Protein backbone atom coordinates (compact mmCIF):
# COMPACT_ATOMS: atom_id res chain seq x y z
CA MET A 1 11.39 -27.83 -18.98
CA LYS A 2 9.79 -26.56 -15.76
CA LYS A 3 12.15 -25.74 -12.91
CA ASN A 4 10.91 -26.46 -9.39
CA LEU A 5 11.30 -23.73 -6.78
CA ASN A 6 13.20 -24.61 -3.67
CA THR A 7 10.56 -24.21 -0.95
CA ASN A 8 13.26 -23.98 1.73
CA GLN A 9 14.34 -20.67 0.24
CA LEU A 10 10.77 -19.36 0.29
CA THR A 11 10.20 -20.19 3.95
CA SER A 12 13.10 -17.96 4.95
CA LEU A 13 12.22 -14.95 2.79
CA ASP A 14 13.27 -11.77 4.52
CA LEU A 15 11.39 -8.76 3.16
CA GLU A 16 14.04 -6.36 4.46
CA LYS A 17 16.64 -8.03 2.21
CA LEU A 18 14.33 -7.32 -0.72
CA ASN A 19 13.95 -3.73 0.51
CA ILE A 20 10.17 -4.15 0.99
CA SER A 21 8.91 -1.87 3.74
CA GLU A 22 5.86 -2.26 5.98
CA GLY A 23 4.10 0.48 4.02
CA ASP A 24 4.57 -1.18 0.61
CA LYS A 25 1.22 -2.95 0.58
CA VAL A 26 1.35 -3.93 -3.08
CA SER A 27 4.66 -5.78 -2.78
CA ARG A 28 3.59 -7.37 0.49
CA LYS A 29 0.38 -8.69 -1.10
CA PHE A 30 2.38 -10.04 -4.02
CA MET A 31 4.87 -11.76 -1.72
CA MET A 32 2.00 -13.22 0.31
CA LEU A 33 0.54 -14.73 -2.88
CA ILE A 34 3.92 -16.15 -3.92
CA GLU A 35 4.62 -17.64 -0.51
CA GLY A 36 1.07 -18.92 -0.14
CA THR A 37 1.13 -20.61 -3.53
CA TYR A 38 4.73 -21.84 -3.85
CA GLY A 39 6.23 -21.75 -0.39
CA ILE A 40 5.02 -21.90 3.14
CA GLY A 41 1.34 -22.41 2.35
CA VAL A 42 -1.73 -20.23 2.71
CA LYS A 43 -2.14 -20.53 6.50
CA LYS A 44 1.41 -19.48 7.36
CA SER A 45 1.45 -16.84 4.64
CA ILE A 46 -1.70 -15.08 5.87
CA GLU A 47 -0.40 -15.19 9.44
CA LYS A 48 2.90 -13.67 8.34
CA TYR A 49 1.29 -10.84 6.38
CA GLY A 50 -1.73 -10.25 8.61
CA TYR A 51 -4.59 -11.07 6.25
CA THR A 52 -7.57 -13.38 6.62
CA GLU A 53 -7.94 -16.48 4.50
CA GLN A 54 -11.01 -14.98 2.82
CA ARG A 55 -9.08 -11.82 1.93
CA TYR A 56 -6.15 -13.92 0.66
CA TYR A 57 -8.36 -15.74 -1.84
CA GLN A 58 -10.06 -12.49 -2.83
CA ILE A 59 -6.66 -10.91 -3.56
CA LYS A 60 -5.57 -14.05 -5.45
CA LYS A 61 -8.73 -14.00 -7.60
CA ASP A 62 -8.36 -10.27 -8.33
CA PHE A 63 -4.69 -10.79 -9.22
CA ALA A 64 -5.55 -13.66 -11.57
CA GLU A 65 -8.18 -11.52 -13.33
CA ASN A 66 -6.47 -8.11 -13.42
CA GLY A 67 -2.78 -8.69 -12.79
CA TYR A 68 -0.52 -6.53 -10.65
CA GLU A 69 -2.89 -3.52 -10.86
CA ALA A 70 -5.42 -5.45 -8.75
CA LEU A 71 -3.02 -5.36 -5.78
CA ILE A 72 -3.19 -1.56 -5.54
CA ASP A 73 -5.66 -0.42 -2.88
CA GLN A 74 -8.61 1.50 -4.29
CA LYS A 75 -10.12 4.58 -2.73
CA ARG A 76 -12.84 3.60 -0.29
CA GLY A 77 -16.25 5.18 0.06
CA PRO A 78 -18.87 6.35 -2.39
CA ARG A 79 -17.89 6.59 -6.05
CA ASP A 80 -19.71 9.88 -6.56
CA LYS A 81 -20.72 12.82 -4.42
CA HIS A 82 -24.09 12.29 -2.80
CA ILE A 83 -26.39 15.27 -3.28
CA ARG A 84 -29.69 15.89 -1.56
CA LYS A 85 -32.46 16.38 -4.06
CA LYS A 86 -34.56 19.56 -3.99
CA GLN A 87 -37.74 17.53 -3.39
CA ILE A 88 -36.27 15.98 -0.26
CA GLU A 89 -35.02 19.37 0.96
CA MET A 90 -38.52 20.80 0.47
CA GLN A 91 -39.99 17.91 2.50
CA ILE A 92 -37.51 18.62 5.32
CA ILE A 93 -38.46 22.32 5.28
CA ARG A 94 -42.18 21.45 5.20
CA LEU A 95 -41.84 19.08 8.17
CA ARG A 96 -39.81 21.65 10.06
CA PHE A 97 -42.49 24.33 9.58
CA LEU A 98 -45.33 21.92 10.47
CA ASP A 99 -43.63 21.05 13.75
CA PRO A 100 -40.91 23.58 14.67
CA GLU A 101 -40.11 21.69 17.90
CA SER A 102 -39.14 18.46 16.11
CA ASN A 103 -35.44 17.77 15.86
CA ALA A 104 -33.44 16.32 12.95
CA ALA A 105 -33.83 12.74 14.23
CA VAL A 106 -37.62 13.03 14.30
CA ILE A 107 -37.72 14.58 10.82
CA ALA A 108 -35.43 11.83 9.46
CA GLN A 109 -37.71 9.22 11.02
CA LYS A 110 -40.83 10.82 9.48
CA LEU A 111 -39.14 10.90 6.08
CA SER A 112 -38.17 7.26 6.50
CA GLN A 113 -41.83 6.42 7.21
CA MET A 114 -42.70 8.23 3.97
CA GLY A 115 -40.27 5.96 2.10
CA ILE A 116 -37.47 8.52 1.76
CA LYS A 117 -34.04 7.25 2.84
CA ILE A 118 -32.04 10.05 4.45
CA SER A 119 -29.63 10.30 7.34
CA GLN A 120 -30.13 12.45 10.39
CA ARG A 121 -26.94 14.31 9.47
CA SER A 122 -28.35 15.24 6.04
CA VAL A 123 -31.46 16.62 7.73
CA GLU A 124 -29.26 18.64 10.09
CA ARG A 125 -27.28 20.03 7.15
CA THR A 126 -30.45 21.06 5.32
CA ILE A 127 -31.87 22.77 8.42
CA THR A 128 -28.60 24.67 8.85
CA GLU A 129 -28.32 25.62 5.16
CA TYR A 130 -31.81 27.12 5.17
CA GLY A 131 -31.36 28.78 8.58
CA LEU A 132 -34.16 26.83 10.24
CA GLN A 133 -32.42 26.24 13.56
CA LYS A 134 -34.45 26.74 16.70
CA THR A 135 -34.12 30.23 18.13
CA THR A 136 -34.66 31.09 21.76
CA LEU A 137 -36.32 34.29 22.83
């Protein structure tokens, strides 16, 4: 026998009574899903917890597929350390020697025209690592 939840109780949920703090993102996401599904509805739930409707459904899908673990925020950014390849470093050095007056932005643009994706900051790092900065006399 399935017992119906009293939706009046869900509309007045006070997270402080449950000892859920602002910083407890996992519990807050879980409560948002519960209230959105069984209580106050998706619109009011996302307003209460500060998420977008798209993010709500993404969290709900992840929770359905992976359970409570899916509510834990994952580390953002690249999965592995990005390393400049020796061939690209040699191209940067070559371009620097061919035109010593060109800056990192120009070298990055030339490499881009050659089909090599690299950021200006990576070019600057390579120039610094190899001691190819401009010197004034």
